[in-house]
């Protein structure tokens, strides 16, 4: 298998972990030819023989959907960060450009009075930079001007435009930078959710039925449960059914041991 075809996302976390135990897997496979494996050995072999999710061409479908979802949320996340920064700094929004000028920090990415504002700047800078790079790769004329002109309105316009531009061109996720961009936007989105307090609206449901990692969540108001690690998704009804099956299996196992 070509390692470059393996999706770099969290969907392959279990597969990457299994690669560190390849010798143990080979020993179990050899033993299987000579005798019947114990139930514990069979379970271990099953975990170590997991097949990776492949990229198409870089990210698998589920991971790419998560990445596009993160890109799509950037304008809302930036708006929440802006509001949180305003409340934390305790100054009028109209004074931001004046404060920047007084501090000699009118360039993009410069520190402001609030970590939330800095995170907002980072989001806008990232989206504009990705759009610029994709335009250059495709030989398309560059955007006019720089993204920062001292007003929040211009910031919002540039961000929403860049997000639309990126999502409208699927080729973005086939370029050499696709892996780095995917990792970056997920990091930015997660940081923004934490700084803006939006992560408080996430319900943590415990271990995932598929990968067994404690990364199962449901966002407030949604009827879909998903794992942040392996990216599997279930409706809430499907998840409740899986919980009932797991509880019944645990009871059967406890009864058998008694």
C-alpha atoms as a PDB file:
ATOM      1  CA  UNK A   1       0.000   0.000   0.000  1.00  0.00           C
ATOM      2  CA  UNK A   2       1.156   3.508  -0.773  1.00  0.00           C
ATOM      3  CA  UNK A   3       1.449   5.338   2.553  1.00  0.00           C
ATOM      4  CA  UNK A   4       0.593   8.608   0.807  1.00  0.00           C
ATOM      5  CA  UNK A   5      -2.888   7.223   0.077  1.00  0.00           C
ATOM      6  CA  UNK A   6      -3.692   6.848   3.781  1.00  0.00           C
ATOM      7  CA  UNK A   7      -5.928   9.623   5.119  1.00  0.00           C
ATOM      8  CA  UNK A   8      -4.000  11.790   7.604  1.00  0.00           C
ATOM      9  CA  UNK A   9      -7.080  12.368   9.764  1.00  0.00           C
ATOM     10  CA  UNK A  10      -8.162  11.028  13.134  1.00  0.00           C
ATOM     11  CA  UNK A  11     -10.111   8.292  11.346  1.00  0.00           C
ATOM     12  CA  UNK A  12      -6.814   6.380  11.139  1.00  0.00           C
ATOM     13  CA  UNK A  13      -5.710   6.901  14.731  1.00  0.00           C
ATOM     14  CA  UNK A  14      -6.383   3.238  15.608  1.00  0.00           C
ATOM     15  CA  UNK A  15      -4.615   2.067  12.441  1.00  0.00           C
ATOM     16  CA  UNK A  16      -1.525   4.153  13.174  1.00  0.00           C
ATOM     17  CA  UNK A  17      -1.423   2.798  16.704  1.00  0.00           C
ATOM     18  CA  UNK A  18      -1.689  -0.768  15.377  1.00  0.00           C
ATOM     19  CA  UNK A  19       1.349  -0.245  13.134  1.00  0.00           C
ATOM     20  CA  UNK A  20       3.536  -0.041  16.236  1.00  0.00           C
ATOM     21  CA  UNK A  21       2.524  -3.628  17.068  1.00  0.00           C
ATOM     22  CA  UNK A  22       3.150  -5.210  13.663  1.00  0.00           C
ATOM     23  CA  UNK A  23       5.470  -7.866  15.162  1.00  0.00           C
ATOM     24  CA  UNK A  24       2.756  -8.973  17.574  1.00  0.00           C
ATOM     25  CA  UNK A  25       0.254  -9.120  14.719  1.00  0.00           C
ATOM     26  CA  UNK A  26       2.605 -11.302  12.641  1.00  0.00           C
ATOM     27  CA  UNK A  27       3.115 -13.647  15.603  1.00  0.00           C
ATOM     28  CA  UNK A  28      -0.634 -14.021  16.079  1.00  0.00           C
ATOM     29  CA  UNK A  29      -1.134 -14.697  12.369  1.00  0.00           C
ATOM     30  CA  UNK A  30       1.545 -17.386  12.486  1.00  0.00           C
ATOM     31  CA  UNK A  31       0.022 -18.951  15.594  1.00  0.00           C
ATOM     32  CA  UNK A  32      -3.421 -18.959  13.949  1.00  0.00           C
ATOM     33  CA  UNK A  33      -2.109 -21.370  11.300  1.00  0.00           C
ATOM     34  CA  UNK A  34      -1.020 -23.867  13.948  1.00  0.00           C
ATOM     35  CA  UNK A  35      -3.798 -23.696  16.555  1.00  0.00           C
ATOM     36  CA  UNK A  36      -7.060 -22.077  17.500  1.00  0.00           C
ATOM     37  CA  UNK A  37      -6.518 -18.693  19.068  1.00  0.00           C
ATOM     38  CA  UNK A  38      -8.078 -17.855  22.386  1.00  0.00           C
ATOM     39  CA  UNK A  39     -10.896 -15.316  22.410  1.00  0.00           C
ATOM     40  CA  UNK A  40      -8.513 -12.715  23.848  1.00  0.00           C
ATOM     41  CA  UNK A  41      -5.966 -13.420  21.093  1.00  0.00           C
ATOM     42  CA  UNK A  42      -8.679 -13.229  18.434  1.00  0.00           C
ATOM     43  CA  UNK A  43      -9.827  -9.865  19.720  1.00  0.00           C
ATOM     44  CA  UNK A  44      -6.257  -8.603  19.814  1.00  0.00           C
ATOM     45  CA  UNK A  45      -5.592  -9.806  16.264  1.00  0.00           C
ATOM     46  CA  UNK A  46      -8.779  -8.141  15.068  1.00  0.00           C
ATOM     47  CA  UNK A  47      -7.690  -4.797  16.552  1.00  0.00           C
ATOM     48  CA  UNK A  48      -4.187  -5.063  15.081  1.00  0.00           C
ATOM     49  CA  UNK A  49      -5.445  -6.058  11.625  1.00  0.00           C
ATOM     50  CA  UNK A  50      -7.532  -2.931  11.113  1.00  0.00           C
ATOM     51  CA  UNK A  51      -7.453  -1.519   7.587  1.00  0.00           C
ATOM     52  CA  UNK A  52      -6.757   2.206   7.122  1.00  0.00           C
ATOM     53  CA  UNK A  53      -9.128   4.692   5.589  1.00  0.00           C
ATOM     54  CA  UNK A  54      -7.730   5.927   2.287  1.00  0.00           C
ATOM     55  CA  UNK A  55      -7.620   9.524   1.095  1.00  0.00           C
ATOM     56  CA  UNK A  56      -9.351  10.697  -2.066  1.00  0.00           C
ATOM     57  CA  UNK A  57      -6.736  11.849  -2.887  1.00  0.00           C
ATOM     58  CA  UNK A  58      -5.621  13.310   0.474  1.00  0.00           C
ATOM     59  CA  UNK A  59      -8.524  13.129   2.943  1.00  0.00           C
ATOM     60  CA  UNK A  60     -11.191  10.443   3.247  1.00  0.00           C
ATOM     61  CA  UNK A  61     -14.817  11.458   2.712  1.00  0.00           C
ATOM     62  CA  UNK A  62     -15.716  11.713   6.412  1.00  0.00           C
ATOM     63  CA  UNK A  63     -12.621  13.730   7.357  1.00  0.00           C
ATOM     64  CA  UNK A  64     -13.067  16.025   4.361  1.00  0.00           C
ATOM     65  CA  UNK A  65     -16.682  16.627   5.372  1.00  0.00           C
ATOM     66  CA  UNK A  66     -15.451  17.604   8.842  1.00  0.00           C
ATOM     67  CA  UNK A  67     -12.842  19.937   7.345  1.00  0.00           C
ATOM     68  CA  UNK A  68     -15.364  21.620   5.068  1.00  0.00           C
ATOM     69  CA  UNK A  69     -17.688  21.956   8.045  1.00  0.00           C
ATOM     70  CA  UNK A  70     -14.911  23.716   9.971  1.00  0.00           C
ATOM     71  CA  UNK A  71     -14.310  26.084   7.036  1.00  0.00           C
ATOM     72  CA  UNK A  72     -18.029  26.753   6.772  1.00  0.00           C
ATOM     73  CA  UNK A  73     -18.226  27.685  10.465  1.00  0.00           C
ATOM     74  CA  UNK A  74     -15.378  30.217  10.322  1.00  0.00           C
ATOM     75  CA  UNK A  75     -17.526  33.344   9.756  1.00  0.00           C
ATOM     76  CA  UNK A  76     -19.765  32.516  12.725  1.00  0.00           C
ATOM     77  CA  UNK A  77     -16.781  31.609  14.884  1.00  0.00           C
ATOM     78  CA  UNK A  78     -15.040  34.874  13.984  1.00  0.00           C
ATOM     79  CA  UNK A  79     -18.192  36.835  14.856  1.00  0.00           C
ATOM     80  CA  UNK A  80     -18.447  35.109  18.242  1.00  0.00           C
ATOM     81  CA  UNK A  81     -14.757  35.778  18.880  1.00  0.00           C
ATOM     82  CA  UNK A  82     -15.238  39.435  18.002  1.00  0.00           C
ATOM     83  CA  UNK A  83     -18.131  39.751  20.439  1.00  0.00           C
ATOM     84  CA  UNK A  84     -16.207  37.917  23.164  1.00  0.00           C
ATOM     85  CA  UNK A  85     -13.157  40.131  22.588  1.00  0.00           C
ATOM     86  CA  UNK A  86     -15.263  43.273  22.768  1.00  0.00           C
ATOM     87  CA  UNK A  87     -16.778  42.199  26.078  1.00  0.00           C
ATOM     88  CA  UNK A  88     -13.401  41.239  27.494  1.00  0.00           C
ATOM     89  CA  UNK A  89     -11.534  44.357  26.406  1.00  0.00           C
ATOM     90  CA  UNK A  90     -14.240  46.740  27.526  1.00  0.00           C
ATOM     91  CA  UNK A  91     -13.808  49.255  24.707  1.00  0.00           C
ATOM     92  CA  UNK A  92     -15.974  50.374  21.820  1.00  0.00           C
ATOM     93  CA  UNK A  93     -15.582  48.421  18.599  1.00  0.00           C
ATOM     94  CA  UNK A  94     -15.019  51.670  16.755  1.00  0.00           C
ATOM     95  CA  UNK A  95     -11.881  52.308  18.811  1.00  0.00           C
ATOM     96  CA  UNK A  96     -10.102  49.128  17.694  1.00  0.00           C
ATOM     97  CA  UNK A  97      -8.463  50.705  14.647  1.00  0.00           C
ATOM     98  CA  UNK A  98      -7.372  53.683  16.783  1.00  0.00           C
ATOM     99  CA  UNK A  99      -5.859  51.410  19.421  1.00  0.00           C
ATOM    100  CA  UNK A 100      -4.023  49.443  16.725  1.00  0.00           C
ATOM    101  CA  UNK A 101      -2.657  52.620  15.206  1.00  0.00           C
ATOM    102  CA  UNK A 102      -1.521  53.930  18.591  1.00  0.00           C
ATOM    103  CA  UNK A 103       0.314  50.680  19.229  1.00  0.00           C
ATOM    104  CA  UNK A 104       1.819  50.622  15.771  1.00  0.00           C
ATOM    105  CA  UNK A 105       0.053  47.349  15.011  1.00  0.00           C
ATOM    106  CA  UNK A 106      -1.986  48.039  11.918  1.00  0.00           C
ATOM    107  CA  UNK A 107      -0.665  45.004  10.033  1.00  0.00           C
ATOM    108  CA  UNK A 108      -2.505  41.705   9.852  1.00  0.00           C
ATOM    109  CA  UNK A 109      -1.888  39.153  12.565  1.00  0.00           C
ATOM    110  CA  UNK A 110      -0.648  41.738  15.072  1.00  0.00           C
ATOM    111  CA  UNK A 111      -1.496  41.482  18.789  1.00  0.00           C
ATOM    112  CA  UNK A 112      -4.571  43.347  20.006  1.00  0.00           C
ATOM    113  CA  UNK A 113      -6.146  43.960  23.397  1.00  0.00           C
ATOM    114  CA  UNK A 114      -7.781  40.537  23.450  1.00  0.00           C
ATOM    115  CA  UNK A 115      -6.789  36.893  22.716  1.00  0.00           C
ATOM    116  CA  UNK A 116     -10.212  36.520  21.093  1.00  0.00           C
ATOM    117  CA  UNK A 117      -9.471  39.334  18.648  1.00  0.00           C
ATOM    118  CA  UNK A 118      -6.083  37.790  17.879  1.00  0.00           C
ATOM    119  CA  UNK A 119      -7.768  34.447  17.185  1.00  0.00           C
ATOM    120  CA  UNK A 120     -10.269  36.254  14.959  1.00  0.00           C
ATOM    121  CA  UNK A 121      -7.396  37.871  13.036  1.00  0.00           C
ATOM    122  CA  UNK A 122      -5.769  34.457  12.663  1.00  0.00           C
ATOM    123  CA  UNK A 123      -8.932  32.989  11.134  1.00  0.00           C
ATOM    124  CA  UNK A 124      -9.274  35.804   8.599  1.00  0.00           C
ATOM    125  CA  UNK A 125      -5.561  35.640   7.749  1.00  0.00           C
ATOM    126  CA  UNK A 126      -5.750  31.876   7.235  1.00  0.00           C
ATOM    127  CA  UNK A 127      -8.791  32.007   4.935  1.00  0.00           C
ATOM    128  CA  UNK A 128      -7.373  34.851   2.837  1.00  0.00           C
ATOM    129  CA  UNK A 129      -3.971  33.136   2.581  1.00  0.00           C
ATOM    130  CA  UNK A 130      -5.541  29.853   1.438  1.00  0.00           C
ATOM    131  CA  UNK A 131      -7.603  31.663  -1.176  1.00  0.00           C
ATOM    132  CA  UNK A 132      -4.482  33.484  -2.401  1.00  0.00           C
ATOM    133  CA  UNK A 133      -2.503  30.250  -2.619  1.00  0.00           C
ATOM    134  CA  UNK A 134      -5.248  28.389  -4.477  1.00  0.00           C
ATOM    135  CA  UNK A 135      -5.601  31.293  -6.900  1.00  0.00           C
ATOM    136  CA  UNK A 136      -1.858  31.181  -7.523  1.00  0.00           C
ATOM    137  CA  UNK A 137      -1.896  27.417  -8.035  1.00  0.00           C
ATOM    138  CA  UNK A 138      -4.751  27.675 -10.532  1.00  0.00           C
ATOM    139  CA  UNK A 139      -3.355  30.717 -12.307  1.00  0.00           C
ATOM    140  CA  UNK A 140      -6.309  32.888 -11.304  1.00  0.00           C
ATOM    141  CA  UNK A 141      -5.927  36.628 -10.791  1.00  0.00           C
ATOM    142  CA  UNK A 142      -5.134  37.573  -7.178  1.00  0.00           C
ATOM    143  CA  UNK A 143      -7.575  39.371  -4.890  1.00  0.00           C
ATOM    144  CA  UNK A 144      -7.508  43.162  -4.800  1.00  0.00           C
ATOM    145  CA  UNK A 145      -5.772  44.711  -1.791  1.00  0.00           C
ATOM    146  CA  UNK A 146      -5.012  43.423   1.675  1.00  0.00           C
ATOM    147  CA  UNK A 147      -7.643  41.978   4.029  1.00  0.00           C
ATOM    148  CA  UNK A 148      -7.149  44.523   6.832  1.00  0.00           C
ATOM    149  CA  UNK A 149      -8.221  48.146   6.465  1.00  0.00           C
ATOM    150  CA  UNK A 150      -9.068  48.869  10.113  1.00  0.00           C
ATOM    151  CA  UNK A 151     -12.786  48.047  10.062  1.00  0.00           C
ATOM    152  CA  UNK A 152     -14.664  45.006  11.292  1.00  0.00           C
ATOM    153  CA  UNK A 153     -17.000  45.233   8.289  1.00  0.00           C
ATOM    154  CA  UNK A 154     -14.129  44.730   5.862  1.00  0.00           C
ATOM    155  CA  UNK A 155     -12.828  41.863   7.957  1.00  0.00           C
ATOM    156  CA  UNK A 156     -16.214  40.101   7.824  1.00  0.00           C
ATOM    157  CA  UNK A 157     -16.582  40.675   4.080  1.00  0.00           C
ATOM    158  CA  UNK A 158     -13.153  39.278   3.262  1.00  0.00           C
ATOM    159  CA  UNK A 159     -13.633  36.250   5.508  1.00  0.00           C
ATOM    160  CA  UNK A 160     -17.054  35.323   4.132  1.00  0.00           C
ATOM    161  CA  UNK A 161     -15.817  35.834   0.562  1.00  0.00           C
ATOM    162  CA  UNK A 162     -12.710  33.691   1.101  1.00  0.00           C
ATOM    163  CA  UNK A 163     -14.735  30.944   2.791  1.00  0.00           C
ATOM    164  CA  UNK A 164     -17.192  30.900  -0.115  1.00  0.00           C
ATOM    165  CA  UNK A 165     -14.315  30.871  -2.609  1.00  0.00           C
ATOM    166  CA  UNK A 166     -12.558  27.950  -0.889  1.00  0.00           C
ATOM    167  CA  UNK A 167     -15.713  25.837  -0.552  1.00  0.00           C
ATOM    168  CA  UNK A 168     -16.663  26.483  -4.181  1.00  0.00           C
ATOM    169  CA  UNK A 169     -13.420  24.893  -5.417  1.00  0.00           C
ATOM    170  CA  UNK A 170     -13.065  21.212  -4.464  1.00  0.00           C
ATOM    171  CA  UNK A 171      -9.626  21.194  -6.097  1.00  0.00           C
ATOM    172  CA  UNK A 172      -8.392  22.987  -2.961  1.00  0.00           C
ATOM    173  CA  UNK A 173      -8.289  19.636  -1.157  1.00  0.00           C
ATOM    174  CA  UNK A 174      -6.251  17.953  -3.894  1.00  0.00           C
ATOM    175  CA  UNK A 175      -3.361  20.421  -3.796  1.00  0.00           C
ATOM    176  CA  UNK A 176       0.012  19.699  -2.102  1.00  0.00           C
ATOM    177  CA  UNK A 177      -0.988  21.931   0.844  1.00  0.00           C
ATOM    178  CA  UNK A 178      -4.309  20.113   1.422  1.00  0.00           C
ATOM    179  CA  UNK A 179      -3.113  18.088   4.404  1.00  0.00           C
ATOM    180  CA  UNK A 180      -1.656  21.115   6.186  1.00  0.00           C
ATOM    181  CA  UNK A 181      -4.704  23.262   5.487  1.00  0.00           C
ATOM    182  CA  UNK A 182      -7.057  20.584   6.771  1.00  0.00           C
ATOM    183  CA  UNK A 183      -5.150  20.235  10.034  1.00  0.00           C
ATOM    184  CA  UNK A 184      -4.879  24.009  10.433  1.00  0.00           C
ATOM    185  CA  UNK A 185      -8.550  24.826   9.948  1.00  0.00           C
ATOM    186  CA  UNK A 186      -9.627  22.148  12.418  1.00  0.00           C
ATOM    187  CA  UNK A 187      -7.191  23.552  14.966  1.00  0.00           C
ATOM    188  CA  UNK A 188      -8.451  27.096  14.346  1.00  0.00           C
ATOM    189  CA  UNK A 189     -12.084  26.052  14.666  1.00  0.00           C
ATOM    190  CA  UNK A 190     -11.498  24.132  17.891  1.00  0.00           C
ATOM    191  CA  UNK A 191      -9.561  27.030  19.424  1.00  0.00           C
ATOM    192  CA  UNK A 192     -12.235  29.514  18.360  1.00  0.00           C
ATOM    193  CA  UNK A 193     -14.995  27.384  19.875  1.00  0.00           C
ATOM    194  CA  UNK A 194     -13.108  27.283  23.169  1.00  0.00           C
ATOM    195  CA  UNK A 195     -12.291  31.007  23.275  1.00  0.00           C
ATOM    196  CA  UNK A 196     -15.814  32.029  22.289  1.00  0.00           C
ATOM    197  CA  UNK A 197     -17.425  29.661  24.789  1.00  0.00           C
ATOM    198  CA  UNK A 198     -19.257  27.693  22.098  1.00  0.00           C
ATOM    199  CA  UNK A 199     -17.725  24.428  23.308  1.00  0.00           C
ATOM    200  CA  UNK A 200     -19.954  24.774  26.370  1.00  0.00           C
ATOM    201  CA  UNK A 201     -22.881  23.819  24.107  1.00  0.00           C
ATOM    202  CA  UNK A 202     -21.331  20.423  23.304  1.00  0.00           C
ATOM    203  CA  UNK A 203     -22.651  17.361  25.122  1.00  0.00           C
ATOM    204  CA  UNK A 204     -19.957  14.737  25.780  1.00  0.00           C
ATOM    205  CA  UNK A 205     -21.479  11.268  25.635  1.00  0.00           C
ATOM    206  CA  UNK A 206     -18.557   9.018  26.501  1.00  0.00           C
ATOM    207  CA  UNK A 207     -16.955   6.209  24.504  1.00  0.00           C
ATOM    208  CA  UNK A 208     -17.567   5.761  20.780  1.00  0.00           C
ATOM    209  CA  UNK A 209     -19.230   2.423  19.844  1.00  0.00           C
ATOM    210  CA  UNK A 210     -16.852   2.142  16.873  1.00  0.00           C
ATOM    211  CA  UNK A 211     -13.360   3.219  18.032  1.00  0.00           C
ATOM    212  CA  UNK A 212     -13.955   2.993  21.814  1.00  0.00           C
ATOM    213  CA  UNK A 213     -12.399   6.435  22.419  1.00  0.00           C
ATOM    214  CA  UNK A 214     -14.140   8.884  24.719  1.00  0.00           C
ATOM    215  CA  UNK A 215     -14.817  11.381  21.947  1.00  0.00           C
ATOM    216  CA  UNK A 216     -18.532  10.981  21.292  1.00  0.00           C
ATOM    217  CA  UNK A 217     -20.396  14.303  21.278  1.00  0.00           C
ATOM    218  CA  UNK A 218     -23.688  15.904  20.350  1.00  0.00           C
ATOM    219  CA  UNK A 219     -23.867  19.619  19.622  1.00  0.00           C
ATOM    220  CA  UNK A 220     -26.749  21.349  21.367  1.00  0.00           C
ATOM    221  CA  UNK A 221     -29.798  21.523  19.115  1.00  0.00           C
ATOM    222  CA  UNK A 222     -28.634  18.831  16.670  1.00  0.00           C
ATOM    223  CA  UNK A 223     -30.080  15.326  16.395  1.00  0.00           C
ATOM    224  CA  UNK A 224     -26.829  13.746  15.209  1.00  0.00           C
ATOM    225  CA  UNK A 225     -24.232  12.114  17.444  1.00  0.00           C
ATOM    226  CA  UNK A 226     -20.684  11.910  16.099  1.00  0.00           C
ATOM    227  CA  UNK A 227     -17.212  10.864  17.176  1.00  0.00           C
ATOM    228  CA  UNK A 228     -14.501  13.519  17.026  1.00  0.00           C
ATOM    229  CA  UNK A 229     -11.858  10.816  16.520  1.00  0.00           C
ATOM    230  CA  UNK A 230     -13.095   8.278  13.965  1.00  0.00           C
ATOM    231  CA  UNK A 231     -15.739  10.623  12.459  1.00  0.00           C
ATOM    232  CA  UNK A 232     -18.531   8.027  12.563  1.00  0.00           C
ATOM    233  CA  UNK A 233     -22.011   9.548  12.780  1.00  0.00           C
ATOM    234  CA  UNK A 234     -25.356   8.282  14.068  1.00  0.00           C
ATOM    235  CA  UNK A 235     -28.784   9.759  14.515  1.00  0.00           C
ATOM    236  CA  UNK A 236     -29.791  10.053  18.157  1.00  0.00           C
ATOM    237  CA  UNK A 237     -32.208   7.122  17.745  1.00  0.00           C
ATOM    238  CA  UNK A 238     -29.444   4.947  16.286  1.00  0.00           C
ATOM    239  CA  UNK A 239     -27.139   5.916  19.146  1.00  0.00           C
ATOM    240  CA  UNK A 240     -29.775   5.054  21.770  1.00  0.00           C
ATOM    241  CA  UNK A 241     -30.201   1.643  20.121  1.00  0.00           C
ATOM    242  CA  UNK A 242     -26.420   1.063  20.222  1.00  0.00           C
ATOM    243  CA  UNK A 243     -26.394   1.982  23.916  1.00  0.00           C
ATOM    244  CA  UNK A 244     -29.158  -0.533  24.653  1.00  0.00           C
ATOM    245  CA  UNK A 245     -27.278  -3.251  22.754  1.00  0.00           C
ATOM    246  CA  UNK A 246     -24.053  -2.474  24.651  1.00  0.00           C
ATOM    247  CA  UNK A 247     -25.832  -2.551  28.016  1.00  0.00           C
ATOM    248  CA  UNK A 248     -27.506  -5.868  27.179  1.00  0.00           C
ATOM    249  CA  UNK A 249     -24.168  -7.370  26.105  1.00  0.00           C
ATOM    250  CA  UNK A 250     -22.512  -6.206  29.320  1.00  0.00           C
ATOM    251  CA  UNK A 251     -25.296  -7.799  31.401  1.00  0.00           C
ATOM    252  CA  UNK A 252     -24.973 -11.087  29.474  1.00  0.00           C
ATOM    253  CA  UNK A 253     -21.223 -11.105  30.032  1.00  0.00           C
ATOM    254  CA  UNK A 254     -21.667 -10.431  33.755  1.00  0.00           C
ATOM    255  CA  UNK A 255     -24.250 -13.233  34.023  1.00  0.00           C
ATOM    256  CA  UNK A 256     -21.949 -15.686  32.218  1.00  0.00           C
ATOM    257  CA  UNK A 257     -19.131 -14.969  34.688  1.00  0.00           C
ATOM    258  CA  UNK A 258     -21.395 -15.391  37.725  1.00  0.00           C
END
